[in-house]
Protein backbone atom coordinates (compact mmCIF):
# COMPACT_ATOMS: atom_id res chain seq x y z
CA UNK A 1 -0.73 50.22 -9.54
CA UNK A 2 -3.36 47.05 -9.72
CA UNK A 3 -5.21 45.96 -7.10
CA UNK A 4 -6.28 41.81 -6.52
CA UNK A 5 -10.10 40.54 -7.07
CA UNK A 6 -9.87 38.41 -3.89
CA UNK A 7 -8.39 41.76 -1.96
CA UNK A 8 -11.63 43.89 -2.82
CA UNK A 9 -13.54 44.26 0.27
CA UNK A 10 -17.41 41.64 -0.75
CA UNK A 11 -19.39 45.45 0.05
CA UNK A 12 -17.18 47.04 -2.86
CA UNK A 13 -19.56 49.42 -5.43
CA UNK A 14 -19.62 51.25 -8.72
CA UNK A 15 -18.62 51.07 -12.26
CA UNK A 16 -16.56 48.20 -13.90
CA UNK A 17 -14.86 48.86 -17.24
CA UNK A 18 -14.47 45.28 -18.97
CA UNK A 19 -11.58 44.91 -22.10
CA UNK A 20 -13.09 41.40 -24.38
CA UNK A 21 -11.51 40.08 -27.03
CA UNK A 22 -12.90 39.02 -29.63
CA UNK A 23 -10.23 36.92 -31.73
CA UNK A 24 -12.02 35.77 -34.39
CA UNK A 25 -15.73 37.44 -36.07
CA UNK A 26 -18.83 36.14 -34.90
CA UNK A 27 -22.65 36.13 -35.68
CA UNK A 28 -24.38 35.96 -32.15
CA UNK A 29 -27.90 36.72 -30.38
CA UNK A 30 -27.96 38.16 -27.88
CA UNK A 31 -31.19 38.39 -26.07
CA UNK A 32 -33.90 39.98 -27.52
CA UNK A 33 -31.85 42.15 -29.45
CA UNK A 34 -31.10 41.96 -33.38
CA UNK A 35 -28.82 39.14 -34.16
CA UNK A 36 -25.38 40.25 -35.02
CA UNK A 37 -21.92 40.31 -36.97
CA UNK A 38 -19.39 41.26 -34.55
CA UNK A 39 -16.01 41.73 -35.59
CA UNK A 40 -12.73 40.42 -34.03
CA UNK A 41 -11.10 43.31 -32.09
CA UNK A 42 -11.24 44.32 -28.51
CA UNK A 43 -14.85 45.36 -27.12
CA UNK A 44 -14.91 47.89 -23.95
CA UNK A 45 -18.33 46.99 -21.69
CA UNK A 46 -19.00 49.47 -19.30
CA UNK A 47 -21.07 47.89 -16.29
CA UNK A 48 -21.85 49.13 -12.72
CA UNK A 49 -22.79 47.10 -9.89
CA UNK A 50 -24.66 49.25 -6.95
CA UNK A 51 -23.52 46.09 -3.89
CA UNK A 52 -20.91 44.07 -4.26
CA UNK A 53 -18.76 44.27 -6.90
CA UNK A 54 -16.43 41.38 -6.14
CA UNK A 55 -19.49 39.39 -7.30
CA UNK A 56 -20.59 40.64 -10.68
CA UNK A 57 -17.13 40.58 -11.40
CA UNK A 58 -16.78 36.88 -10.44
CA UNK A 59 -20.09 36.01 -12.63
CA UNK A 60 -18.57 37.68 -15.61
CA UNK A 61 -15.59 35.89 -15.49
CA UNK A 62 -17.47 32.24 -15.28
CA UNK A 63 -17.73 30.27 -18.24
CA UNK A 64 -20.71 28.13 -17.50
CA UNK A 65 -23.76 30.49 -16.17
CA UNK A 66 -27.12 31.31 -16.78
CA UNK A 67 -27.53 33.60 -19.97
CA UNK A 68 -28.76 36.51 -17.88
CA UNK A 69 -27.14 39.73 -19.55
CA UNK A 70 -26.52 41.25 -22.76
CA UNK A 71 -22.53 40.78 -21.43
CA UNK A 72 -23.31 37.35 -21.20
CA UNK A 73 -23.61 35.94 -24.63
CA UNK A 74 -20.28 37.98 -25.65
CA UNK A 75 -19.14 35.91 -22.97
CA UNK A 76 -19.83 32.83 -24.08
CA UNK A 77 -17.35 33.07 -26.90
CA UNK A 78 -14.85 36.65 -26.02
CA UNK A 79 -11.83 36.40 -23.55
CA UNK A 80 -11.92 39.24 -20.47
CA UNK A 81 -8.21 40.14 -21.06
CA UNK A 82 -8.69 43.14 -18.64
CA UNK A 83 -11.19 44.55 -15.86
CA UNK A 84 -11.06 48.36 -14.93
CA UNK A 85 -13.10 49.51 -11.15
CA UNK A 86 -14.27 53.23 -10.92
CA UNK A 87 -15.02 52.61 -7.29
CA UNK A 88 -17.63 54.43 -5.70
CA UNK A 89 -18.71 55.67 -9.18
CA UNK A 90 -21.97 55.06 -10.71
CA UNK A 91 -22.24 57.66 -14.17
CA UNK A 92 -21.81 54.66 -16.28
CA UNK A 93 -23.61 56.86 -19.30
CA UNK A 94 -20.66 59.18 -18.87
CA UNK A 95 -17.87 56.41 -18.85
CA UNK A 96 -19.58 55.68 -21.91
CA UNK A 97 -19.20 59.43 -23.43
CA UNK A 98 -15.67 59.62 -21.94
CA UNK A 99 -14.22 56.12 -24.21
CA UNK A 100 -15.93 57.51 -27.25
CA UNK A 101 -14.38 60.77 -26.87
CA UNK A 102 -11.23 59.10 -25.90
CA UNK A 103 -10.93 57.00 -28.47
CA UNK A 104 -12.66 58.27 -31.98
CA UNK A 105 -11.56 55.58 -33.82
CA UNK A 106 -14.61 53.50 -31.87
CA UNK A 107 -18.05 52.54 -32.60
CA UNK A 108 -21.26 50.67 -31.28
CA UNK A 109 -21.42 47.38 -32.62
CA UNK A 110 -25.27 46.55 -32.33
CA UNK A 111 -27.65 49.27 -30.64
CA UNK A 112 -29.20 48.90 -26.63
CA UNK A 113 -26.71 46.65 -25.77
CA UNK A 114 -26.41 46.59 -21.88
CA UNK A 115 -27.72 49.98 -21.61
CA UNK A 116 -32.23 48.88 -21.89
CA UNK A 117 -32.79 51.15 -19.19
CA UNK A 118 -31.41 54.27 -20.10
CA UNK A 119 -30.82 56.28 -23.03
CA UNK A 120 -27.10 55.55 -24.23
CA UNK A 121 -26.99 54.01 -27.95
CA UNK A 122 -24.74 51.38 -26.22
CA UNK A 123 -22.70 50.17 -23.27
CA UNK A 124 -20.66 47.94 -25.37
CA UNK A 125 -17.93 50.20 -27.64
CA UNK A 126 -15.87 47.97 -30.63
CA UNK A 127 -12.34 49.44 -30.55
CA UNK A 128 -9.86 48.01 -34.17
CA UNK A 129 -7.16 45.77 -32.08
CA UNK A 130 -4.45 47.83 -33.98
CA UNK A 131 -6.22 51.15 -32.65
CA UNK A 132 -6.49 50.13 -29.40
CA UNK A 133 -4.46 52.18 -26.63
CA UNK A 134 -5.34 50.57 -23.80
CA UNK A 135 -3.50 51.60 -20.54
CA UNK A 136 -3.47 55.30 -21.87
CA UNK A 137 -6.85 54.91 -21.99
CA UNK A 138 -7.51 53.76 -18.26
CA UNK A 139 -5.42 56.28 -17.39
CA UNK A 140 -7.93 58.89 -18.91
CA UNK A 141 -10.88 57.36 -17.58
CA UNK A 142 -8.78 57.50 -14.11
CA UNK A 143 -9.53 53.80 -13.14
CA UNK A 144 -7.78 51.07 -11.25
CA UNK A 145 -6.85 47.82 -13.20
CA UNK A 146 -7.69 44.18 -11.53
CA UNK A 147 -5.85 41.66 -11.24
CA UNK A 148 -7.38 38.84 -11.68
CA UNK A 149 -4.46 36.49 -13.61
CA UNK A 150 -7.01 36.10 -16.88
CA UNK A 151 -7.98 33.13 -14.93
CA UNK A 152 -12.29 33.24 -16.77
CA UNK A 153 -13.34 30.32 -13.73
């Protein structure tokens, strides 16, 4: 069952997963990380908000914003196709490990992307488009799907 972004209580918190589609290959410089060629396909980004997850997700959906987090750089060129939520759960590193186990064909496109404050290789995962079975993956991760009407603002 989908839940609406606008119906989430302001105080909601937890981990979120952005399913991102990159429609063409792209060379991208990401903050202090190395310049990297990102291939066309599906990317999964795992983040967390200890408070007010609604504001965080709305920020991710904005096209015009100051580039602050690693994900901001990718979202300048890519589109969020789905948002998943794991309310009141804060172990984003475990979610990354679970995704890698469940999606054996996945890879880390850029080391330390979104994970500069932990020991994970990355919080961004690449799935070749033809291999992405997203609804099955979301269910196995026990995440809710957030309905934002596909609108990036």
